[in-house]
Protein backbone atom coordinates (compact mmCIF):
# COMPACT_ATOMS: atom_id res chain seq x y z
CA UNK A 1 -181.76 -120.03 186.02
CA UNK A 2 -183.90 -119.63 182.92
CA UNK A 3 -182.03 -120.83 179.83
CA UNK A 4 -182.44 -118.62 176.79
CA UNK A 5 -182.17 -119.64 173.18
CA UNK A 6 -179.54 -117.22 171.86
CA UNK A 7 -180.52 -117.67 168.19
CA UNK A 8 -182.14 -114.73 166.42
CA UNK A 9 -184.56 -114.89 163.51
CA UNK A 10 -184.44 -112.27 160.74
CA UNK A 11 -187.35 -112.40 158.31
CA UNK A 12 -186.52 -110.78 154.98
CA UNK A 13 -183.25 -110.78 153.05
CA UNK A 14 -183.35 -107.29 151.61
CA UNK A 15 -180.74 -104.73 152.62
CA UNK A 16 -182.41 -104.00 155.99
CA UNK A 17 -182.61 -107.67 156.93
CA UNK A 18 -179.07 -108.38 155.71
CA UNK A 19 -177.68 -105.48 157.75
CA UNK A 20 -179.54 -106.64 160.86
CA UNK A 21 -178.21 -110.18 160.43
CA UNK A 22 -174.64 -108.94 159.89
CA UNK A 23 -174.67 -106.74 163.01
CA UNK A 24 -176.26 -109.38 165.25
CA UNK A 25 -173.87 -112.10 164.09
CA UNK A 26 -170.90 -109.77 164.66
CA UNK A 27 -171.66 -110.06 168.39
CA UNK A 28 -171.17 -113.83 168.19
CA UNK A 29 -174.82 -114.81 168.22
CA UNK A 30 -176.40 -117.30 165.84
CA UNK A 31 -178.72 -115.81 163.20
CA UNK A 32 -181.17 -117.50 160.84
CA UNK A 33 -181.94 -115.22 157.89
CA UNK A 34 -185.05 -116.28 155.98
CA UNK A 35 -185.80 -114.96 152.50
CA UNK A 36 -188.78 -116.00 150.36
CA UNK A 37 -186.97 -115.38 147.05
CA UNK A 38 -184.15 -117.44 145.60
CA UNK A 39 -181.57 -114.71 146.20
CA UNK A 40 -180.74 -112.15 148.85
CA UNK A 41 -180.97 -108.44 148.11
CA UNK A 42 -184.67 -107.74 147.71
CA UNK A 43 -185.50 -104.93 145.31
CA UNK A 44 -182.08 -103.30 145.60
CA UNK A 45 -180.25 -106.09 143.75
CA UNK A 46 -182.24 -105.13 140.64
CA UNK A 47 -181.63 -101.39 140.89
CA UNK A 48 -179.13 -99.53 138.78
CA UNK A 49 -177.45 -96.53 140.37
CA UNK A 50 -178.61 -95.46 143.83
CA UNK A 51 -178.99 -91.78 144.63
CA UNK A 52 -177.23 -89.61 145.54
CA UNK A 53 -173.76 -91.13 145.00
CA UNK A 54 -174.88 -93.46 142.16
CA UNK A 55 -173.54 -96.64 143.76
CA UNK A 56 -174.73 -99.71 141.86
CA UNK A 57 -177.45 -101.61 143.71
CA UNK A 58 -175.98 -104.97 142.73
CA UNK A 59 -172.56 -103.90 144.06
CA UNK A 60 -174.00 -102.96 147.45
CA UNK A 61 -175.93 -106.22 147.69
CA UNK A 62 -172.89 -108.21 146.59
CA UNK A 63 -170.80 -106.67 149.35
CA UNK A 64 -173.40 -107.56 151.99
CA UNK A 65 -173.78 -111.10 150.64
CA UNK A 66 -170.02 -111.66 150.86
CA UNK A 67 -170.01 -110.58 154.51
CA UNK A 68 -172.92 -112.91 155.27
CA UNK A 69 -171.34 -115.89 153.52
CA UNK A 70 -168.07 -115.35 155.37
CA UNK A 71 -169.73 -115.48 158.81
CA UNK A 72 -170.52 -119.02 159.98
CA UNK A 73 -172.89 -117.60 162.59
CA UNK A 74 -175.41 -116.72 159.85
CA UNK A 75 -177.60 -119.43 158.33
CA UNK A 76 -179.41 -118.32 155.19
CA UNK A 77 -182.63 -120.06 154.13
CA UNK A 78 -183.67 -119.02 150.62
CA UNK A 79 -186.99 -119.80 148.96
CA UNK A 80 -188.44 -120.04 152.45
CA UNK A 81 -191.50 -118.39 153.97
CA UNK A 82 -192.52 -117.92 157.59
CA UNK A 83 -196.14 -118.97 157.97
CA UNK A 84 -196.53 -118.41 161.70
CA UNK A 85 -194.77 -116.37 164.36
CA UNK A 86 -195.69 -116.75 168.04
CA UNK A 87 -194.44 -115.52 171.38
CA UNK A 88 -194.18 -118.43 173.79
CA UNK A 89 -192.77 -118.09 177.33
CA UNK A 90 -190.70 -115.08 176.40
CA UNK A 91 -189.29 -116.72 173.27
CA UNK A 92 -190.25 -116.60 169.59
CA UNK A 93 -191.58 -119.71 167.86
CA UNK A 94 -191.49 -119.67 164.07
CA UNK A 95 -193.07 -122.05 161.60
CA UNK A 96 -191.56 -121.92 158.14
CA UNK A 97 -191.38 -124.06 155.03
CA UNK A 98 -189.34 -124.57 151.90
CA UNK A 99 -190.98 -126.43 148.99
CA UNK A 100 -193.61 -127.89 151.28
CA UNK A 101 -191.18 -129.03 153.98
CA UNK A 102 -192.54 -127.49 157.22
CA UNK A 103 -190.23 -126.76 160.15
CA UNK A 104 -190.54 -125.22 163.59
CA UNK A 105 -187.81 -123.50 165.58
CA UNK A 106 -187.50 -121.45 168.75
CA UNK A 107 -185.60 -118.15 168.78
CA UNK A 108 -184.71 -115.67 171.48
CA UNK A 109 -185.67 -112.61 169.39
CA UNK A 110 -186.76 -111.67 165.90
CA UNK A 111 -186.45 -108.90 163.33
CA UNK A 112 -189.20 -108.41 160.75
CA UNK A 113 -187.76 -106.88 157.57
CA UNK A 114 -190.32 -107.92 154.99
CA UNK A 115 -189.91 -104.88 152.76
CA UNK A 116 -192.46 -103.52 150.32
CA UNK A 117 -194.22 -104.11 147.03
CA UNK A 118 -194.64 -101.74 144.10
CA UNK A 119 -197.98 -100.11 143.36
CA UNK A 120 -199.72 -101.54 140.30
CA UNK A 121 -199.46 -98.89 137.59
CA UNK A 122 -202.37 -100.51 135.73
CA UNK A 123 -204.74 -98.90 138.24
CA UNK A 124 -204.14 -95.66 136.34
CA UNK A 125 -205.84 -96.75 133.14
CA UNK A 126 -205.52 -93.27 131.68
CA UNK A 127 -201.75 -93.73 131.48
CA UNK A 128 -201.95 -97.00 129.54
CA UNK A 129 -199.42 -98.98 131.56
CA UNK A 130 -199.45 -102.59 130.38
CA UNK A 131 -201.29 -101.58 127.18
CA UNK A 132 -199.24 -98.93 125.41
CA UNK A 133 -195.66 -99.65 124.31
CA UNK A 134 -193.35 -97.04 125.78
CA UNK A 135 -195.19 -96.64 129.09
CA UNK A 136 -193.17 -98.17 131.92
CA UNK A 137 -192.81 -97.73 135.68
CA UNK A 138 -189.75 -96.44 137.48
CA UNK A 139 -189.09 -100.00 138.66
CA UNK A 140 -189.25 -101.23 135.05
CA UNK A 141 -186.69 -98.54 134.22
CA UNK A 142 -184.35 -99.96 136.87
CA UNK A 143 -184.84 -103.55 135.72
CA UNK A 144 -184.46 -102.74 132.02
CA UNK A 145 -182.12 -99.77 132.28
CA UNK A 146 -179.57 -100.83 129.69
CA UNK A 147 -182.23 -101.61 127.08
CA UNK A 148 -184.23 -98.45 127.85
CA UNK A 149 -181.23 -96.16 127.51
CA UNK A 150 -180.19 -97.72 124.19
CA UNK A 151 -183.49 -96.95 122.46
CA UNK A 152 -183.48 -93.68 120.50
CA UNK A 153 -185.53 -91.17 122.50
CA UNK A 154 -186.45 -87.72 121.32
CA UNK A 155 -188.74 -86.91 124.24
CA UNK A 156 -189.31 -88.62 127.59
CA UNK A 157 -191.91 -87.77 130.23
CA UNK A 158 -191.67 -88.76 133.89
CA UNK A 159 -194.91 -88.68 135.90
CA UNK A 160 -194.56 -88.54 139.67
CA UNK A 161 -196.94 -89.57 142.46
CA UNK A 162 -198.59 -92.48 140.63
CA UNK A 163 -200.38 -94.14 143.53
CA UNK A 164 -198.90 -91.84 146.17
CA UNK A 165 -200.82 -88.90 147.63
CA UNK A 166 -203.97 -89.97 145.80
CA UNK A 167 -206.86 -91.16 147.96
CA UNK A 168 -209.04 -92.07 145.01
CA UNK A 169 -206.72 -94.64 143.40
CA UNK A 170 -203.72 -95.14 145.56
CA UNK A 171 -202.48 -94.26 149.00
CA UNK A 172 -202.76 -90.91 150.85
CA UNK A 173 -199.13 -90.91 151.96
CA UNK A 174 -195.99 -89.73 150.19
CA UNK A 175 -193.72 -92.63 149.16
CA UNK A 176 -190.72 -90.42 149.98
CA UNK A 177 -188.17 -91.77 147.49
CA UNK A 178 -189.98 -91.11 144.18
CA UNK A 179 -188.74 -87.55 143.75
CA UNK A 180 -185.15 -88.68 144.10
CA UNK A 181 -185.25 -91.78 141.94
CA UNK A 182 -187.10 -89.86 139.23
CA UNK A 183 -184.37 -87.21 139.23
CA UNK A 184 -181.73 -89.95 139.14
CA UNK A 185 -183.40 -91.69 136.19
CA UNK A 186 -183.81 -88.40 134.32
CA UNK A 187 -180.08 -87.78 134.89
CA UNK A 188 -179.15 -91.20 133.54
CA UNK A 189 -181.34 -90.72 130.48
CA UNK A 190 -179.82 -87.32 129.69
CA UNK A 191 -176.29 -88.67 130.12
CA UNK A 192 -177.04 -91.53 127.73
CA UNK A 193 -178.89 -89.32 125.22
CA UNK A 194 -177.94 -85.66 125.72
CA UNK A 195 -180.17 -84.42 122.88
CA UNK A 196 -183.34 -85.95 124.35
CA UNK A 197 -185.96 -83.58 125.74
CA UNK A 198 -186.88 -84.74 129.25
CA UNK A 199 -189.87 -83.50 131.24
CA UNK A 200 -190.87 -84.25 134.83
CA UNK A 201 -194.46 -83.60 135.92
CA UNK A 202 -194.68 -83.18 139.68
CA UNK A 203 -197.02 -82.10 142.49
CA UNK A 204 -194.21 -81.05 144.85
CA UNK A 205 -190.50 -81.76 144.98
CA UNK A 206 -189.59 -83.51 148.21
CA UNK A 207 -185.84 -83.95 148.34
CA UNK A 208 -185.40 -84.18 152.11
CA UNK A 209 -182.22 -86.22 151.96
CA UNK A 210 -178.67 -85.08 152.56
CA UNK A 211 -177.59 -83.33 149.34
CA UNK A 212 -181.02 -84.14 147.89
CA UNK A 213 -181.89 -80.57 147.01
CA UNK A 214 -178.52 -80.08 145.34
CA UNK A 215 -178.94 -83.33 143.39
CA UNK A 216 -182.35 -82.37 142.00
CA UNK A 217 -181.23 -78.81 141.26
CA UNK A 218 -178.22 -80.16 139.39
CA UNK A 219 -180.48 -82.33 137.21
CA UNK A 220 -182.55 -79.27 136.34
CA UNK A 221 -179.71 -76.86 135.72
CA UNK A 222 -176.86 -79.03 134.42
CA UNK A 223 -178.85 -81.61 132.48
CA UNK A 224 -181.62 -79.18 131.44
CA UNK A 225 -184.44 -81.48 132.56
CA UNK A 226 -187.66 -79.46 132.53
CA UNK A 227 -189.78 -79.75 135.68
CA UNK A 228 -193.47 -78.84 135.23
CA UNK A 229 -195.77 -78.53 138.21
CA UNK A 230 -198.97 -80.24 137.17
CA UNK A 231 -200.80 -83.49 136.63
CA UNK A 232 -200.94 -85.55 133.48
CA UNK A 233 -204.55 -86.23 132.62
CA UNK A 234 -204.14 -88.77 129.84
CA UNK A 235 -201.63 -90.63 127.69
CA UNK A 236 -202.84 -91.47 124.17
CA UNK A 237 -201.00 -93.55 121.56
CA UNK A 238 -200.76 -91.58 118.32
CA UNK A 239 -198.64 -91.96 115.17
CA UNK A 240 -196.34 -94.46 116.86
CA UNK A 241 -195.67 -92.10 119.77
CA UNK A 242 -197.43 -91.12 123.00
CA UNK A 243 -199.54 -87.95 123.23
CA UNK A 244 -199.41 -86.42 126.71
CA UNK A 245 -202.30 -84.23 127.82
CA UNK A 246 -201.55 -82.31 130.99
CA UNK A 247 -201.85 -78.97 132.74
CA UNK A 248 -199.17 -76.61 133.97
CA UNK A 249 -200.77 -75.56 137.26
CA UNK A 250 -198.24 -72.77 137.87
CA UNK A 251 -198.99 -71.12 134.53
CA UNK A 252 -202.63 -72.20 134.50
CA UNK A 253 -202.46 -73.49 130.93
CA UNK A 254 -203.16 -76.88 129.31
CA UNK A 255 -200.26 -78.69 127.66
CA UNK A 256 -199.90 -81.29 124.93
CA UNK A 257 -196.66 -82.92 123.86
CA UNK A 258 -195.58 -86.12 122.17
CA UNK A 259 -193.15 -88.53 123.78
CA UNK A 260 -191.36 -91.77 123.01
CA UNK A 261 -191.11 -92.85 126.64
CA UNK A 262 -193.36 -92.33 129.68
CA UNK A 263 -192.08 -93.37 133.11
CA UNK A 264 -194.51 -93.68 136.03
CA UNK A 265 -193.10 -93.11 139.52
CA UNK A 266 -195.23 -95.68 141.34
CA UNK A 267 -195.80 -95.82 145.08
CA UNK A 268 -194.30 -98.16 147.65
CA UNK A 269 -196.98 -100.28 149.35
CA UNK A 270 -196.78 -102.76 152.25
CA UNK A 271 -195.84 -106.37 151.50
CA UNK A 272 -198.89 -108.64 151.72
CA UNK A 273 -197.23 -111.04 154.18
CA UNK A 274 -196.36 -108.36 156.74
CA UNK A 275 -199.76 -107.86 158.46
CA UNK A 276 -200.22 -111.48 159.51
CA UNK A 277 -196.74 -111.78 161.01
CA UNK A 278 -197.12 -108.50 162.89
CA UNK A 279 -200.52 -109.30 164.36
CA UNK A 280 -199.42 -112.82 165.37
CA UNK A 281 -196.83 -111.36 167.75
CA UNK A 282 -199.17 -108.69 169.09
CA UNK A 283 -197.93 -105.79 166.99
CA UNK A 284 -199.99 -103.14 165.27
CA UNK A 285 -200.33 -101.68 161.79
CA UNK A 286 -201.10 -98.10 160.82
CA UNK A 287 -204.01 -97.11 158.59
CA UNK A 288 -201.93 -97.73 155.48
CA UNK A 289 -200.83 -101.24 156.42
CA UNK A 290 -197.28 -100.41 157.51
CA UNK A 291 -195.85 -101.48 160.87
CA UNK A 292 -196.67 -99.17 163.76
CA UNK A 293 -193.89 -99.06 166.35
CA UNK A 294 -194.68 -98.80 170.03
CA UNK A 295 -194.44 -95.23 171.40
CA UNK A 296 -190.88 -94.00 171.89
CA UNK A 297 -191.64 -93.28 175.54
CA UNK A 298 -192.28 -97.00 176.05
CA UNK A 299 -189.13 -98.35 174.42
CA UNK A 300 -185.41 -97.68 174.41
CA UNK A 301 -185.16 -98.65 170.73
CA UNK A 302 -187.06 -96.89 167.91
CA UNK A 303 -187.43 -100.14 165.95
CA UNK A 304 -189.31 -102.00 168.70
CA UNK A 305 -192.51 -103.73 167.66
CA UNK A 306 -193.26 -105.82 170.75
CA UNK A 307 -191.03 -107.30 173.44
CA UNK A 308 -188.28 -109.24 171.71
CA UNK A 309 -189.51 -108.38 168.21
CA UNK A 310 -188.10 -105.54 166.14
CA UNK A 311 -188.57 -104.33 162.57
CA UNK A 312 -186.46 -102.62 159.92
CA UNK A 313 -186.82 -101.13 156.46
CA UNK A 314 -189.79 -100.30 154.26
CA UNK A 315 -192.18 -102.65 156.07
CA UNK A 316 -192.39 -99.79 158.57
CA UNK A 317 -192.79 -96.98 156.02
CA UNK A 318 -191.27 -96.02 152.64
CA UNK A 319 -187.56 -95.36 152.99
CA UNK A 320 -184.45 -95.16 150.85
CA UNK A 321 -181.59 -97.66 150.89
CA UNK A 322 -179.46 -95.75 153.37
CA UNK A 323 -182.37 -95.49 155.82
CA UNK A 324 -183.08 -99.21 155.40
CA UNK A 325 -179.47 -100.03 156.27
CA UNK A 326 -179.53 -97.70 159.27
CA UNK A 327 -182.76 -99.24 160.50
CA UNK A 328 -181.29 -102.73 160.12
CA UNK A 329 -178.42 -101.69 162.40
CA UNK A 330 -180.82 -100.04 164.84
CA UNK A 331 -182.97 -103.18 165.01
CA UNK A 332 -179.84 -105.26 165.61
CA UNK A 333 -178.84 -102.96 168.46
CA UNK A 334 -182.31 -103.42 169.93
CA UNK A 335 -182.00 -107.21 169.71
CA UNK A 336 -178.61 -107.25 171.40
CA UNK A 337 -179.73 -104.93 174.20
CA UNK A 338 -182.85 -107.05 174.72
CA UNK A 339 -180.86 -110.29 174.90
CA UNK A 340 -178.37 -108.80 177.32
CA UNK A 341 -181.07 -107.47 179.64
CA UNK A 342 -182.94 -110.77 179.55
CA UNK A 343 -179.82 -112.74 180.33
CA UNK A 344 -179.23 -110.56 183.37
CA UNK A 345 -182.83 -110.94 184.50
CA UNK A 346 -182.66 -114.72 184.11
CA UNK A 347 -179.69 -115.18 186.46
């Protein structure tokens, strides 16, 4: 009888990876959860309220961390990176290191949940990110929310699709979550400073989440946030404020207004360490650098990458927190089904 290593490797300690580890360990199997940062939680631990129910990101991460710490089946390795992932005799061999201490371990299956990075807003030089005080990204807003909301703001401008849906400077795809987190941030700003004038410049409004349309409509109607269909051409510092030059494409007229705060809704892009891991185990990437799953007709699990290897979260494509959690559970289900079928085949 072929003896299988029952341990499972999860690469990435964001919400998708944490959920996968929790679900796999709940079956009684050993899990090693590897995270390159010093803390679990990925981007979400630094987020303020999450749409649409405005749960605090840190609270969600804290709840998952408590579950992980309470389960002795889960070993967490922080500040650790996987340098090599190989399929050997039906098992997964991983090489990883922490502060220059290399290790090698064999696993029965693996989940890749390496997440995403944020598009560099400096690539849009016309918006002055990194040069003009008052120009920040949506991620900066999340990280600095308390300080941002305390500053007196007469006028704020949110610019969507910075890096998304732009072949010339960014990526051709829609990053999916920007419309919702922009609406959420506009809501938070108006609640903190009701007299502030808040504008959102958009190409389209894509709120294809449960209650998403109602959430965005409520921001427009109840908080009186003004949505303008059009692109901002330039942001210019003037008289201690920011001059916004744009066009209202519905009305066909140019616009100019002065603002105290400009928030760029930057794209989600693939993590730089994802491609190497995926190709090492025989997986594929799409044209944008995200993980390409095998066809659904060839797998029982939608999160399959190759035999014994699954993925979850935004390493596959931009997704919101709820989708990342669901994908973590789906990947875990794939792992457990794979291990069960292999055990039966090995007898």
